[in-house]
């Protein structure tokens, strides 16, 4: 073997060894990544498991046997607040609103009678509470994630009691945000491919830090990977109000709007906005310079695409808050300020 051939074979041997080491490192790295993800999911399940409950509702009083609930409402919920006397639990309005008797089944299979604190039909959010006793005193409320951290691609776990199978977790991602389905007056739902089934309504949608990003509300039974959840920006505000007041206090401005027609869009060269259809007498919107036929393009600096989006923004306004409308009419653009009040 001459010197050149020796050098070539030696180099080839080193190269193969190097490549094997790289592949081995990559495989180890991939394995470590999978292990880390599995560990993270298991930690979330362990930490949140006690805070998630099954909601069992009946119209009539009966002996507390689970077979009695087979033909009644079964949903899910999760603890959002703890006081020295009570645990407060968030769920969906449609899970409990038609029933006189509400029961809560905890992770340890203990069952307690629940008391309805308040419901909100516009968002399908409700709060119930149970007494704080020795069987549930160690349970901690779940924390809400910030709005800016809730976006497509984030890993999530949908949790609930599908078909009365308590504490079931499914894994997926946030597929989209700000979806409108026409289910409630206030929407902007999170879309996820994590499995959501009947009985999961009212359960939390969690990220991999164990924080609530939404509340499970609906699934499309004819489609796969189409589940929806109420986002925390709505959920946190509504649950806080229900706990504090027993109801949701919303601001009122006495204004009715509709979508822009294609003719108006073309004539005014305006792609977004809503047109004022009616201004109620003696309302906050009257005597402000706003007129029927005006086009509202922005609310508090936020562009408005359609009437549903406008109503969503206004429905989240509280009495006493100031609303700034950017308005377009034949005279040009102007800004109008309205102070919302509580409607009697």
Foldseek 3Di string as FASTA:
>chain_A
DDPVVVVVVVVVVVVVVVVVVVVVVVVVVVVVVVVVVVVLVVVLLVQFQQFKKKKAFAADDDPPDVVVRLPPAIAIWGFADDDQWKTKIKFFCVRYVNGDWMWIQGSVRDIFTWAWLAADQQQRMTMIMGTQDPVRVPDDGAAADDPVVQAWPFKKWQFFQASNNHTDIFIWTFHGWQDDDPRHLAARKTWWQTDDHRRSGHTFIAGSVNHGQFGWHDADPVDHRTTIGGGPVVVVQQSVCSNVPVYDFAFDQQWDWFFDDPVRCVVVVNQAWIFTQDHDPPGQNPPFPDDGGKTWQDKPRHGGHTRSSVSNVRRVHHAQDKIWTWIQDPVGIDITITGTHGDD
